[in-house]
PDB file of N, CA and C in Angstrom:
ATOM      1  N   MET A   1      60.983  79.768 244.902  1.00  0.00           N
ATOM      2  CA  MET A   1      60.802  78.338 245.106  1.00  0.00           C
ATOM      3  C   MET A   1      61.845  77.862 246.115  1.00  0.00           C
ATOM      4  N   SER A   2      61.389  77.138 247.088  1.00  0.00           N
ATOM      5  CA  SER A   2      62.268  76.587 248.099  1.00  0.00           C
ATOM      6  C   SER A   2      62.586  75.132 247.752  1.00  0.00           C
ATOM      7  N   LEU A   3      63.855  74.793 247.788  1.00  0.00           N
ATOM      8  CA  LEU A   3      64.265  73.433 247.458  1.00  0.00           C
ATOM      9  C   LEU A   3      64.354  72.584 248.715  1.00  0.00           C
ATOM     10  N   SER A   4      63.912  71.353 248.595  1.00  0.00           N
ATOM     11  CA  SER A   4      64.032  70.417 249.707  1.00  0.00           C
ATOM     12  C   SER A   4      65.492  69.985 249.838  1.00  0.00           C
ATOM     13  N   ASN A   5      65.814  69.406 250.979  1.00  0.00           N
ATOM     14  CA  ASN A   5      67.174  68.879 251.177  1.00  0.00           C
ATOM     15  C   ASN A   5      67.485  67.802 250.153  1.00  0.00           C
ATOM     16  N   GLN A   6      66.478  66.969 249.845  1.00  0.00           N
ATOM     17  CA  GLN A   6      66.684  65.917 248.849  1.00  0.00           C
ATOM     18  C   GLN A   6      67.021  66.534 247.493  1.00  0.00           C
ATOM     19  N   SER A   7      66.296  67.569 247.105  1.00  0.00           N
ATOM     20  CA  SER A   7      66.569  68.224 245.820  1.00  0.00           C
ATOM     21  C   SER A   7      67.972  68.794 245.785  1.00  0.00           C
ATOM     22  N   ARG A   8      68.370  69.449 246.857  1.00  0.00           N
ATOM     23  CA  ARG A   8      69.725  70.004 246.919  1.00  0.00           C
ATOM     24  C   ARG A   8      70.774  68.900 246.801  1.00  0.00           C
ATOM     25  N   TYR A   9      70.558  67.806 247.497  1.00  0.00           N
ATOM     26  CA  TYR A   9      71.488  66.678 247.456  1.00  0.00           C
ATOM     27  C   TYR A   9      71.639  66.168 246.022  1.00  0.00           C
ATOM     28  N   PHE A  10      70.519  65.965 245.335  1.00  0.00           N
ATOM     29  CA  PHE A  10      70.598  65.414 243.988  1.00  0.00           C
ATOM     30  C   PHE A  10      71.105  66.433 242.970  1.00  0.00           C
ATOM     31  N   ILE A  11      70.963  67.713 243.240  1.00  0.00           N
ATOM     32  CA  ILE A  11      71.576  68.716 242.374  1.00  0.00           C
ATOM     33  C   ILE A  11      73.096  68.637 242.496  1.00  0.00           C
ATOM     34  N   VAL A  12      73.590  68.412 243.710  1.00  0.00           N
ATOM     35  CA  VAL A  12      75.033  68.208 243.906  1.00  0.00           C
ATOM     36  C   VAL A  12      75.489  66.949 243.178  1.00  0.00           C
ATOM     37  N   VAL A  13      74.713  65.877 243.285  1.00  0.00           N
ATOM     38  CA  VAL A  13      75.040  64.631 242.578  1.00  0.00           C
ATOM     39  C   VAL A  13      75.076  64.883 241.069  1.00  0.00           C
ATOM     40  N   ALA A  14      74.086  65.605 240.558  1.00  0.00           N
ATOM     41  CA  ALA A  14      74.026  65.911 239.123  1.00  0.00           C
ATOM     42  C   ALA A  14      75.252  66.714 238.682  1.00  0.00           C
ATOM     43  N   ALA A  15      75.662  67.668 239.506  1.00  0.00           N
ATOM     44  CA  ALA A  15      76.843  68.475 239.181  1.00  0.00           C
ATOM     45  C   ALA A  15      78.095  67.602 239.121  1.00  0.00           C
ATOM     46  N   PHE A  16      78.230  66.690 240.077  1.00  0.00           N
ATOM     47  CA  PHE A  16      79.372  65.773 240.080  1.00  0.00           C
ATOM     48  C   PHE A  16      79.352  64.874 238.846  1.00  0.00           C
ATOM     49  N   LEU A  17      78.185  64.296 238.548  1.00  0.00           N
ATOM     50  CA  LEU A  17      78.072  63.427 237.376  1.00  0.00           C
ATOM     51  C   LEU A  17      78.373  64.201 236.095  1.00  0.00           C
ATOM     52  N   GLY A  18      77.863  65.428 236.002  1.00  0.00           N
ATOM     53  CA  GLY A  18      78.099  66.233 234.809  1.00  0.00           C
ATOM     54  C   GLY A  18      79.569  66.584 234.630  1.00  0.00           C
ATOM     55  N   ALA A  19      80.200  67.028 235.695  1.00  0.00           N
ATOM     56  CA  ALA A  19      81.613  67.410 235.616  1.00  0.00           C
ATOM     57  C   ALA A  19      82.495  66.224 235.242  1.00  0.00           C
ATOM     58  N   THR A  20      82.262  65.090 235.882  1.00  0.00           N
ATOM     59  CA  THR A  20      83.107  63.922 235.583  1.00  0.00           C
ATOM     60  C   THR A  20      82.808  63.369 234.188  1.00  0.00           C
ATOM     61  N   ALA A  21      81.578  63.495 233.729  1.00  0.00           N
ATOM     62  CA  ALA A  21      81.260  63.047 232.371  1.00  0.00           C
ATOM     63  C   ALA A  21      82.007  63.879 231.337  1.00  0.00           C
ATOM     64  N   VAL A  22      82.061  65.185 231.544  1.00  0.00           N
ATOM     65  CA  VAL A  22      82.790  66.059 230.617  1.00  0.00           C
ATOM     66  C   VAL A  22      84.283  65.722 230.647  1.00  0.00           C
ATOM     67  N   MET A  23      84.836  65.522 231.838  1.00  0.00           N
ATOM     68  CA  MET A  23      86.259  65.199 231.945  1.00  0.00           C
ATOM     69  C   MET A  23      86.583  63.880 231.238  1.00  0.00           C
ATOM     70  N   LEU A  24      85.777  62.857 231.499  1.00  0.00           N
ATOM     71  CA  LEU A  24      86.055  61.552 230.903  1.00  0.00           C
ATOM     72  C   LEU A  24      85.789  61.551 229.400  1.00  0.00           C
ATOM     73  N   GLY A  25      84.779  62.295 228.970  1.00  0.00           N
ATOM     74  CA  GLY A  25      84.517  62.420 227.537  1.00  0.00           C
ATOM     75  C   GLY A  25      85.657  63.132 226.821  1.00  0.00           C
ATOM     76  N   ALA A  26      86.187  64.175 227.446  1.00  0.00           N
ATOM     77  CA  ALA A  26      87.324  64.885 226.857  1.00  0.00           C
ATOM     78  C   ALA A  26      88.549  63.982 226.791  1.00  0.00           C
ATOM     79  N   TYR A  27      88.762  63.217 227.846  1.00  0.00           N
ATOM     80  CA  TYR A  27      89.902  62.295 227.838  1.00  0.00           C
ATOM     81  C   TYR A  27      89.726  61.246 226.744  1.00  0.00           C
ATOM     82  N   ALA A  28      88.509  60.763 226.557  1.00  0.00           N
ATOM     83  CA  ALA A  28      88.249  59.784 225.499  1.00  0.00           C
ATOM     84  C   ALA A  28      88.555  60.372 224.123  1.00  0.00           C
ATOM     85  N   SER A  29      88.276  61.652 223.949  1.00  0.00           N
ATOM     86  CA  SER A  29      88.499  62.302 222.653  1.00  0.00           C
ATOM     87  C   SER A  29      89.947  62.700 222.414  1.00  0.00           C
ATOM     88  N   HIS A  30      90.702  62.980 223.484  1.00  0.00           N
ATOM     89  CA  HIS A  30      92.024  63.561 223.289  1.00  0.00           C
ATOM     90  C   HIS A  30      93.200  62.749 223.839  1.00  0.00           C
ATOM     91  N   GLY A  31      92.988  61.929 224.856  1.00  0.00           N
ATOM     92  CA  GLY A  31      94.135  61.260 225.459  1.00  0.00           C
ATOM     93  C   GLY A  31      94.089  59.750 225.431  1.00  0.00           C
ATOM     94  N   LEU A  32      92.925  59.222 225.298  1.00  0.00           N
ATOM     95  CA  LEU A  32      92.757  57.773 225.402  1.00  0.00           C
ATOM     96  C   LEU A  32      93.382  57.024 224.225  1.00  0.00           C
ATOM     97  N   SER A  33      93.467  57.677 223.077  1.00  0.00           N
ATOM     98  CA  SER A  33      93.968  57.000 221.878  1.00  0.00           C
ATOM     99  C   SER A  33      95.447  56.621 221.973  1.00  0.00           C
ATOM    100  N   THR A  34      96.160  57.152 222.955  1.00  0.00           N
ATOM    101  CA  THR A  34      97.576  56.807 223.086  1.00  0.00           C
ATOM    102  C   THR A  34      97.774  55.378 223.589  1.00  0.00           C
ATOM    103  N   TRP A  35      96.766  54.814 224.220  1.00  0.00           N
ATOM    104  CA  TRP A  35      96.939  53.453 224.737  1.00  0.00           C
ATOM    105  C   TRP A  35      95.719  52.546 224.556  1.00  0.00           C
ATOM    106  N   ALA A  36      94.560  53.095 224.253  1.00  0.00           N
ATOM    107  CA  ALA A  36      93.342  52.284 224.180  1.00  0.00           C
ATOM    108  C   ALA A  36      93.001  51.905 222.740  1.00  0.00           C
ATOM    109  N   THR A  37      92.251  50.833 222.621  1.00  0.00           N
ATOM    110  CA  THR A  37      91.773  50.401 221.311  1.00  0.00           C
ATOM    111  C   THR A  37      90.577  51.271 220.902  1.00  0.00           C
ATOM    112  N   PRO A  38      90.242  51.273 219.609  1.00  0.00           N
ATOM    113  CA  PRO A  38      89.048  52.018 219.184  1.00  0.00           C
ATOM    114  C   PRO A  38      87.776  51.551 219.906  1.00  0.00           C
ATOM    115  N   ALA A  39      87.675  50.265 220.187  1.00  0.00           N
ATOM    116  CA  ALA A  39      86.504  49.750 220.900  1.00  0.00           C
ATOM    117  C   ALA A  39      86.451  50.306 222.325  1.00  0.00           C
ATOM    118  N   GLN A  40      87.598  50.401 222.978  1.00  0.00           N
ATOM    119  CA  GLN A  40      87.638  50.954 224.334  1.00  0.00           C
ATOM    120  C   GLN A  40      87.294  52.445 224.329  1.00  0.00           C
ATOM    121  N   ILE A  41      87.771  53.160 223.337  1.00  0.00           N
ATOM    122  CA  ILE A  41      87.441  54.581 223.218  1.00  0.00           C
ATOM    123  C   ILE A  41      85.935  54.748 223.049  1.00  0.00           C
ATOM    124  N   THR A  42      85.342  53.909 222.226  1.00  0.00           N
ATOM    125  CA  THR A  42      83.893  53.957 222.017  1.00  0.00           C
ATOM    126  C   THR A  42      83.152  53.656 223.316  1.00  0.00           C
ATOM    127  N   GLN A  43      83.634  52.703 224.101  1.00  0.00           N
ATOM    128  CA  GLN A  43      82.995  52.385 225.379  1.00  0.00           C
ATOM    129  C   GLN A  43      83.025  53.572 226.330  1.00  0.00           C
ATOM    130  N   VAL A  44      84.154  54.258 226.408  1.00  0.00           N
ATOM    131  CA  VAL A  44      84.256  55.426 227.291  1.00  0.00           C
ATOM    132  C   VAL A  44      83.364  56.549 226.774  1.00  0.00           C
ATOM    133  N   GLN A  45      83.327  56.736 225.466  1.00  0.00           N
ATOM    134  CA  GLN A  45      82.453  57.770 224.910  1.00  0.00           C
ATOM    135  C   GLN A  45      80.985  57.460 225.196  1.00  0.00           C
ATOM    136  N   THR A  46      80.595  56.209 225.056  1.00  0.00           N
ATOM    137  CA  THR A  46      79.225  55.801 225.367  1.00  0.00           C
ATOM    138  C   THR A  46      78.918  56.035 226.837  1.00  0.00           C
ATOM    139  N   ALA A  47      79.827  55.627 227.703  1.00  0.00           N
ATOM    140  CA  ALA A  47      79.632  55.805 229.145  1.00  0.00           C
ATOM    141  C   ALA A  47      79.495  57.280 229.492  1.00  0.00           C
ATOM    142  N   SER A  48      80.350  58.121 228.926  1.00  0.00           N
ATOM    143  CA  SER A  48      80.301  59.549 229.262  1.00  0.00           C
ATOM    144  C   SER A  48      79.052  60.208 228.696  1.00  0.00           C
ATOM    145  N   GLN A  49      78.593  59.774 227.538  1.00  0.00           N
ATOM    146  CA  GLN A  49      77.356  60.326 226.968  1.00  0.00           C
ATOM    147  C   GLN A  49      76.150  59.966 227.840  1.00  0.00           C
ATOM    148  N   TYR A  50      76.057  58.704 228.221  1.00  0.00           N
ATOM    149  CA  TYR A  50      74.957  58.282 229.103  1.00  0.00           C
ATOM    150  C   TYR A  50      75.051  59.023 230.443  1.00  0.00           C
ATOM    151  N   GLN A  51      76.251  59.173 230.951  1.00  0.00           N
ATOM    152  CA  GLN A  51      76.431  59.841 232.239  1.00  0.00           C
ATOM    153  C   GLN A  51      76.014  61.305 232.148  1.00  0.00           C
ATOM    154  N   LEU A  52      76.424  62.000 231.100  1.00  0.00           N
ATOM    155  CA  LEU A  52      76.069  63.413 230.964  1.00  0.00           C
ATOM    156  C   LEU A  52      74.569  63.578 230.764  1.00  0.00           C
ATOM    157  N   PHE A  53      73.993  62.744 229.930  1.00  0.00           N
ATOM    158  CA  PHE A  53      72.553  62.809 229.691  1.00  0.00           C
ATOM    159  C   PHE A  53      71.775  62.595 230.992  1.00  0.00           C
ATOM    160  N   HIS A  54      72.196  61.627 231.770  1.00  0.00           N
ATOM    161  CA  HIS A  54      71.476  61.344 233.014  1.00  0.00           C
ATOM    162  C   HIS A  54      71.831  62.324 234.132  1.00  0.00           C
ATOM    163  N   ALA A  55      72.982  62.984 234.055  1.00  0.00           N
ATOM    164  CA  ALA A  55      73.280  64.070 235.005  1.00  0.00           C
ATOM    165  C   ALA A  55      72.273  65.205 234.809  1.00  0.00           C
ATOM    166  N   ILE A  56      72.025  65.546 233.550  1.00  0.00           N
ATOM    167  CA  ILE A  56      71.035  66.582 233.249  1.00  0.00           C
ATOM    168  C   ILE A  56      69.649  66.128 233.687  1.00  0.00           C
ATOM    169  N   THR A  57      69.356  64.867 233.480  1.00  0.00           N
ATOM    170  CA  THR A  57      68.070  64.316 233.901  1.00  0.00           C
ATOM    171  C   THR A  57      67.906  64.392 235.410  1.00  0.00           C
ATOM    172  N   VAL A  58      68.933  64.009 236.158  1.00  0.00           N
ATOM    173  CA  VAL A  58      68.871  64.085 237.624  1.00  0.00           C
ATOM    174  C   VAL A  58      68.635  65.527 238.062  1.00  0.00           C
ATOM    175  N   LEU A  59      69.309  66.466 237.421  1.00  0.00           N
ATOM    176  CA  LEU A  59      69.121  67.881 237.752  1.00  0.00           C
ATOM    177  C   LEU A  59      67.666  68.299 237.551  1.00  0.00           C
ATOM    178  N   ILE A  60      67.107  67.960 236.419  1.00  0.00           N
ATOM    179  CA  ILE A  60      65.715  68.335 236.121  1.00  0.00           C
ATOM    180  C   ILE A  60      64.739  67.642 237.062  1.00  0.00           C
ATOM    181  N   VAL A  61      64.937  66.355 237.294  1.00  0.00           N
ATOM    182  CA  VAL A  61      64.025  65.611 238.168  1.00  0.00           C
ATOM    183  C   VAL A  61      64.130  66.104 239.608  1.00  0.00           C
ATOM    184  N   ALA A  62      65.329  66.502 240.037  1.00  0.00           N
ATOM    185  CA  ALA A  62      65.475  67.072 241.387  1.00  0.00           C
ATOM    186  C   ALA A  62      64.645  68.338 241.521  1.00  0.00           C
ATOM    187  N   LEU A  63      64.633  69.160 240.483  1.00  0.00           N
ATOM    188  CA  LEU A  63      63.813  70.370 240.510  1.00  0.00           C
ATOM    189  C   LEU A  63      62.323  70.028 240.467  1.00  0.00           C
ATOM    190  N   ILE A  64      61.964  69.048 239.649  1.00  0.00           N
ATOM    191  CA  ILE A  64      60.570  68.605 239.577  1.00  0.00           C
ATOM    192  C   ILE A  64      60.104  68.083 240.931  1.00  0.00           C
ATOM    193  N   SER A  65      60.991  67.389 241.636  1.00  0.00           N
ATOM    194  CA  SER A  65      60.599  66.797 242.921  1.00  0.00           C
ATOM    195  C   SER A  65      60.243  67.865 243.954  1.00  0.00           C
ATOM    196  N   SER A  66      60.785  69.071 243.799  1.00  0.00           N
ATOM    197  CA  SER A  66      60.401  70.153 244.704  1.00  0.00           C
ATOM    198  C   SER A  66      59.017  70.697 244.368  1.00  0.00           C
ATOM    199  N   LEU A  67      58.664  70.637 243.098  1.00  0.00           N
ATOM    200  CA  LEU A  67      57.348  71.127 242.675  1.00  0.00           C
ATOM    201  C   LEU A  67      56.247  70.093 242.887  1.00  0.00           C
ATOM    202  N   PHE A  68      56.581  68.839 242.633  1.00  0.00           N
ATOM    203  CA  PHE A  68      55.615  67.749 242.719  1.00  0.00           C
ATOM    204  C   PHE A  68      56.178  66.626 243.587  1.00  0.00           C
ATOM    205  N   PRO A  69      56.187  66.808 244.893  1.00  0.00           N
ATOM    206  CA  PRO A  69      56.754  65.742 245.739  1.00  0.00           C
ATOM    207  C   PRO A  69      55.937  64.451 245.625  1.00  0.00           C
ATOM    208  N   HIS A  70      56.624  63.392 245.334  1.00  0.00           N
ATOM    209  CA  HIS A  70      55.978  62.078 245.199  1.00  0.00           C
ATOM    210  C   HIS A  70      57.042  61.027 245.452  1.00  0.00           C
ATOM    211  N   ARG A  71      56.679  59.976 246.138  1.00  0.00           N
ATOM    212  CA  ARG A  71      57.686  58.962 246.475  1.00  0.00           C
ATOM    213  C   ARG A  71      58.270  58.282 245.235  1.00  0.00           C
ATOM    214  N   LEU A  72      57.498  58.182 244.147  1.00  0.00           N
ATOM    215  CA  LEU A  72      58.054  57.590 242.930  1.00  0.00           C
ATOM    216  C   LEU A  72      59.076  58.507 242.266  1.00  0.00           C
ATOM    217  N   ILE A  73      58.904  59.813 242.413  1.00  0.00           N
ATOM    218  CA  ILE A  73      59.911  60.735 241.887  1.00  0.00           C
ATOM    219  C   ILE A  73      61.196  60.592 242.697  1.00  0.00           C
ATOM    220  N   SER A  74      61.061  60.490 244.001  1.00  0.00           N
ATOM    221  CA  SER A  74      62.239  60.260 244.845  1.00  0.00           C
ATOM    222  C   SER A  74      62.930  58.957 244.464  1.00  0.00           C
ATOM    223  N   LEU A  75      62.142  57.930 244.251  1.00  0.00           N
ATOM    224  CA  LEU A  75      62.701  56.641 243.850  1.00  0.00           C
ATOM    225  C   LEU A  75      63.401  56.755 242.498  1.00  0.00           C
ATOM    226  N   SER A  76      62.810  57.511 241.589  1.00  0.00           N
ATOM    227  CA  SER A  76      63.440  57.669 240.274  1.00  0.00           C
ATOM    228  C   SER A  76      64.788  58.370 240.387  1.00  0.00           C
ATOM    229  N   LEU A  77      64.912  59.337 241.300  1.00  0.00           N
ATOM    230  CA  LEU A  77      66.202  59.998 241.499  1.00  0.00           C
ATOM    231  C   LEU A  77      67.275  59.005 241.945  1.00  0.00           C
ATOM    232  N   TRP A  78      66.906  58.134 242.875  1.00  0.00           N
ATOM    233  CA  TRP A  78      67.857  57.111 243.331  1.00  0.00           C
ATOM    234  C   TRP A  78      68.186  56.137 242.207  1.00  0.00           C
ATOM    235  N   PHE A  79      67.175  55.721 241.451  1.00  0.00           N
ATOM    236  CA  PHE A  79      67.416  54.803 240.336  1.00  0.00           C
ATOM    237  C   PHE A  79      68.288  55.443 239.257  1.00  0.00           C
ATOM    238  N   PHE A  80      68.019  56.723 238.919  1.00  0.00           N
ATOM    239  CA  PHE A  80      68.856  57.407 237.930  1.00  0.00           C
ATOM    240  C   PHE A  80      70.308  57.454 238.397  1.00  0.00           C
ATOM    241  N   THR A  81      70.501  57.795 239.657  1.00  0.00           N
ATOM    242  CA  THR A  81      71.857  57.926 240.189  1.00  0.00           C
ATOM    243  C   THR A  81      72.564  56.575 240.226  1.00  0.00           C
ATOM    244  N   LEU A  82      71.925  55.584 240.828  1.00  0.00           N
ATOM    245  CA  LEU A  82      72.549  54.254 240.913  1.00  0.00           C
ATOM    246  C   LEU A  82      72.729  53.632 239.531  1.00  0.00           C
ATOM    247  N   GLY A  83      71.748  53.822 238.666  1.00  0.00           N
ATOM    248  CA  GLY A  83      71.844  53.290 237.312  1.00  0.00           C
ATOM    249  C   GLY A  83      73.003  53.890 236.544  1.00  0.00           C
ATOM    250  N   THR A  84      73.195  55.186 236.691  1.00  0.00           N
ATOM    251  CA  THR A  84      74.301  55.860 236.012  1.00  0.00           C
ATOM    252  C   THR A  84      75.641  55.373 236.547  1.00  0.00           C
ATOM    253  N   PHE A  85      75.751  55.275 237.872  1.00  0.00           N
ATOM    254  CA  PHE A  85      77.002  54.771 238.445  1.00  0.00           C
ATOM    255  C   PHE A  85      77.269  53.335 237.995  1.00  0.00           C
ATOM    256  N   CYS A  86      76.243  52.503 237.987  1.00  0.00           N
ATOM    257  CA  CYS A  86      76.446  51.106 237.579  1.00  0.00           C
ATOM    258  C   CYS A  86      76.759  50.995 236.092  1.00  0.00           C
ATOM    259  N   PHE A  87      75.962  51.660 235.252  1.00  0.00           N
ATOM    260  CA  PHE A  87      76.152  51.538 233.804  1.00  0.00           C
ATOM    261  C   PHE A  87      77.481  52.162 233.371  1.00  0.00           C
ATOM    262  N   SER A  88      77.621  53.451 233.600  1.00  0.00           N
ATOM    263  CA  SER A  88      78.831  54.137 233.145  1.00  0.00           C
ATOM    264  C   SER A  88      80.054  53.689 233.935  1.00  0.00           C
ATOM    265  N   GLY A  89      79.889  53.549 235.240  1.00  0.00           N
ATOM    266  CA  GLY A  89      81.011  53.153 236.086  1.00  0.00           C
ATOM    267  C   GLY A  89      81.600  51.809 235.696  1.00  0.00           C
ATOM    268  N   SER A  90      80.738  50.846 235.375  1.00  0.00           N
ATOM    269  CA  SER A  90      81.253  49.530 234.996  1.00  0.00           C
ATOM    270  C   SER A  90      81.989  49.577 233.661  1.00  0.00           C
ATOM    271  N   LEU A  91      81.536  50.447 232.744  1.00  0.00           N
ATOM    272  CA  LEU A  91      82.265  50.591 231.475  1.00  0.00           C
ATOM    273  C   LEU A  91      83.621  51.256 231.690  1.00  0.00           C
ATOM    274  N   TYR A  92      83.651  52.276 232.540  1.00  0.00           N
ATOM    275  CA  TYR A  92      84.941  52.904 232.866  1.00  0.00           C
ATOM    276  C   TYR A  92      85.868  51.887 233.518  1.00  0.00           C
ATOM    277  N   TYR A  93      85.338  51.112 234.443  1.00  0.00           N
ATOM    278  CA  TYR A  93      86.121  50.087 235.153  1.00  0.00           C
ATOM    279  C   TYR A  93      86.718  49.098 234.153  1.00  0.00           C
ATOM    280  N   LEU A  94      85.900  48.671 233.193  1.00  0.00           N
ATOM    281  CA  LEU A  94      86.355  47.717 232.189  1.00  0.00           C
ATOM    282  C   LEU A  94      87.516  48.286 231.372  1.00  0.00           C
ATOM    283  N   VAL A  95      87.380  49.521 230.928  1.00  0.00           N
ATOM    284  CA  VAL A  95      88.412  50.123 230.076  1.00  0.00           C
ATOM    285  C   VAL A  95      89.653  50.512 230.871  1.00  0.00           C
ATOM    286  N   PHE A  96      89.470  51.224 231.975  1.00  0.00           N
ATOM    287  CA  PHE A  96      90.627  51.776 232.689  1.00  0.00           C
ATOM    288  C   PHE A  96      91.358  50.751 233.553  1.00  0.00           C
ATOM    289  N   LEU A  97      90.647  49.761 234.049  1.00  0.00           N
ATOM    290  CA  LEU A  97      91.311  48.757 234.889  1.00  0.00           C
ATOM    291  C   LEU A  97      91.479  47.419 234.179  1.00  0.00           C
ATOM    292  N   GLY A  98      90.871  47.275 233.005  1.00  0.00           N
ATOM    293  CA  GLY A  98      91.045  46.067 232.211  1.00  0.00           C
ATOM    294  C   GLY A  98      90.443  44.820 232.825  1.00  0.00           C
ATOM    295  N   SER A  99      89.521  44.993 233.733  1.00  0.00           N
ATOM    296  CA  SER A  99      88.926  43.850 234.419  1.00  0.00           C
ATOM    297  C   SER A  99      87.466  43.692 234.017  1.00  0.00           C
ATOM    298  N   LYS A 100      87.078  42.463 233.797  1.00  0.00           N
ATOM    299  CA  LYS A 100      85.686  42.165 233.478  1.00  0.00           C
ATOM    300  C   LYS A 100      84.900  41.779 234.730  1.00  0.00           C
ATOM    301  N   LEU A 101      85.441  42.081 235.881  1.00  0.00           N
ATOM    302  CA  LEU A 101      84.830  41.732 237.157  1.00  0.00           C
ATOM    303  C   LEU A 101      83.411  42.287 237.284  1.00  0.00           C
ATOM    304  N   LEU A 102      83.201  43.496 236.795  1.00  0.00           N
ATOM    305  CA  LEU A 102      81.902  44.151 236.946  1.00  0.00           C
ATOM    306  C   LEU A 102      81.034  44.087 235.692  1.00  0.00           C
ATOM    307  N   VAL A 103      81.347  43.171 234.782  1.00  0.00           N
ATOM    308  CA  VAL A 103      80.649  43.129 233.501  1.00  0.00           C
ATOM    309  C   VAL A 103      79.134  42.934 233.656  1.00  0.00           C
ATOM    310  N   LEU A 104      78.694  42.248 234.695  1.00  0.00           N
ATOM    311  CA  LEU A 104      77.260  42.041 234.900  1.00  0.00           C
ATOM    312  C   LEU A 104      76.575  43.259 235.514  1.00  0.00           C
ATOM    313  N   ILE A 105      77.358  44.229 235.954  1.00  0.00           N
ATOM    314  CA  ILE A 105      76.794  45.447 236.530  1.00  0.00           C
ATOM    315  C   ILE A 105      76.249  46.370 235.429  1.00  0.00           C
ATOM    316  N   THR A 106      76.824  46.300 234.239  1.00  0.00           N
ATOM    317  CA  THR A 106      76.390  47.171 233.144  1.00  0.00           C
ATOM    318  C   THR A 106      74.911  46.980 232.818  1.00  0.00           C
ATOM    319  N   PRO A 107      74.440  45.758 232.581  1.00  0.00           N
ATOM    320  CA  PRO A 107      72.998  45.610 232.308  1.00  0.00           C
ATOM    321  C   PRO A 107      72.125  45.942 233.515  1.00  0.00           C
ATOM    322  N   LEU A 108      72.631  45.730 234.718  1.00  0.00           N
ATOM    323  CA  LEU A 108      71.888  46.131 235.914  1.00  0.00           C
ATOM    324  C   LEU A 108      71.708  47.646 235.926  1.00  0.00           C
ATOM    325  N   GLY A 109      72.762  48.362 235.566  1.00  0.00           N
ATOM    326  CA  GLY A 109      72.668  49.818 235.462  1.00  0.00           C
ATOM    327  C   GLY A 109      71.627  50.237 234.436  1.00  0.00           C
ATOM    328  N   GLY A 110      71.623  49.568 233.299  1.00  0.00           N
ATOM    329  CA  GLY A 110      70.609  49.855 232.278  1.00  0.00           C
ATOM    330  C   GLY A 110      69.202  49.598 232.786  1.00  0.00           C
ATOM    331  N   LEU A 111      69.029  48.506 233.511  1.00  0.00           N
ATOM    332  CA  LEU A 111      67.720  48.184 234.083  1.00  0.00           C
ATOM    333  C   LEU A 111      67.282  49.234 235.098  1.00  0.00           C
ATOM    334  N   LEU A 112      68.212  49.700 235.934  1.00  0.00           N
ATOM    335  CA  LEU A 112      67.893  50.753 236.901  1.00  0.00           C
ATOM    336  C   LEU A 112      67.492  52.050 236.197  1.00  0.00           C
ATOM    337  N   LEU A 113      68.154  52.364 235.088  1.00  0.00           N
ATOM    338  CA  LEU A 113      67.789  53.567 234.332  1.00  0.00           C
ATOM    339  C   LEU A 113      66.394  53.432 233.728  1.00  0.00           C
ATOM    340  N   ILE A 114      66.080  52.259 233.225  1.00  0.00           N
ATOM    341  CA  ILE A 114      64.735  52.018 232.700  1.00  0.00           C
ATOM    342  C   ILE A 114      63.700  52.176 233.809  1.00  0.00           C
ATOM    343  N   CYS A 115      63.982  51.590 234.963  1.00  0.00           N
ATOM    344  CA  CYS A 115      63.060  51.713 236.107  1.00  0.00           C
ATOM    345  C   CYS A 115      62.898  53.171 236.527  1.00  0.00           C
ATOM    346  N   ALA A 116      63.974  53.935 236.475  1.00  0.00           N
ATOM    347  CA  ALA A 116      63.910  55.355 236.838  1.00  0.00           C
ATOM    348  C   ALA A 116      62.959  56.101 235.918  1.00  0.00           C
ATOM    349  N   TRP A 117      63.089  55.865 234.622  1.00  0.00           N
ATOM    350  CA  TRP A 117      62.205  56.528 233.662  1.00  0.00           C
ATOM    351  C   TRP A 117      60.751  56.118 233.883  1.00  0.00           C
ATOM    352  N   LEU A 118      60.531  54.837 234.148  1.00  0.00           N
ATOM    353  CA  LEU A 118      59.159  54.364 234.391  1.00  0.00           C
ATOM    354  C   LEU A 118      58.579  54.951 235.674  1.00  0.00           C
ATOM    355  N   CYS A 119      59.375  55.001 236.733  1.00  0.00           N
ATOM    356  CA  CYS A 119      58.909  55.608 237.992  1.00  0.00           C
ATOM    357  C   CYS A 119      58.534  57.070 237.779  1.00  0.00           C
ATOM    358  N   LEU A 120      59.356  57.781 237.033  1.00  0.00           N
ATOM    359  CA  LEU A 120      59.079  59.189 236.766  1.00  0.00           C
ATOM    360  C   LEU A 120      57.766  59.342 235.998  1.00  0.00           C
ATOM    361  N   GLY A 121      57.611  58.538 234.965  1.00  0.00           N
ATOM    362  CA  GLY A 121      56.384  58.612 234.167  1.00  0.00           C
ATOM    363  C   GLY A 121      55.150  58.238 234.962  1.00  0.00           C
ATOM    364  N   ILE A 122      55.229  57.158 235.720  1.00  0.00           N
ATOM    365  CA  ILE A 122      54.084  56.708 236.520  1.00  0.00           C
ATOM    366  C   ILE A 122      53.735  57.738 237.581  1.00  0.00           C
ATOM    367  N   SER A 123      54.747  58.383 238.156  1.00  0.00           N
ATOM    368  CA  SER A 123      54.476  59.378 239.205  1.00  0.00           C
ATOM    369  C   SER A 123      53.635  60.533 238.688  1.00  0.00           C
ATOM    370  N   MET A 124      53.744  60.832 237.419  1.00  0.00           N
ATOM    371  CA  MET A 124      52.981  61.932 236.848  1.00  0.00           C
ATOM    372  C   MET A 124      51.530  61.538 236.558  1.00  0.00           C
ATOM    373  N   LEU A 125      51.236  60.252 236.627  1.00  0.00           N
ATOM    374  CA  LEU A 125      49.853  59.792 236.413  1.00  0.00           C
ATOM    375  C   LEU A 125      48.998  59.885 237.666  1.00  0.00           C
ATOM    376  N   PHE A 126      49.631  60.017 238.802  1.00  0.00           N
ATOM    377  CA  PHE A 126      48.905  60.003 240.081  1.00  0.00           C
ATOM    378  C   PHE A 126      49.012  61.334 240.794  1.00  0.00           C
ATOM    379  N   LYS A 127      48.061  61.570 241.661  1.00  0.00           N
ATOM    380  CA  LYS A 127      48.077  62.790 242.471  1.00  0.00           C
ATOM    381  C   LYS A 127      49.270  62.805 243.405  1.00  0.00           C
ATOM    382  N   GLN A 128      49.592  63.991 243.798  1.00  0.00           N
ATOM    383  CA  GLN A 128      50.676  64.208 244.758  1.00  0.00           C
ATOM    384  C   GLN A 128      50.383  63.506 246.071  1.00  0.00           C
ATOM    385  N   LYS A 129      51.411  62.852 246.663  1.00  0.00           N
ATOM    386  CA  LYS A 129      51.210  62.137 247.920  1.00  0.00           C
ATOM    387  C   LYS A 129      52.172  62.626 248.963  1.00  0.00           C
TER     388      LYS A 129
END
């Protein structure tokens, strides 16, 4: 199977998201308790879980996009990536920098993730384009 450039790009993105999710999740479990509240620890754990789950999703969808090229699958890859950065990133920003500046980005990230899942599902209902 030959991978498209887009698939390769998103596999790299998935690897980055996966690695950083593991690092931040480990820090939440082992180092964060020295200065963070239990609520902040829970926020980082939630962010890292969503990030790891969607890193695996991006990896799988990138592979699917090579088998079934469709513009909605491509769109879902972008939505998964941006949604993960917005959702998890804004939670990390809140905890590590103590700023609520990006608080409205969290629900936007969730909305992008929902759109990504819908794009992926809808793309499977239609013929390859």
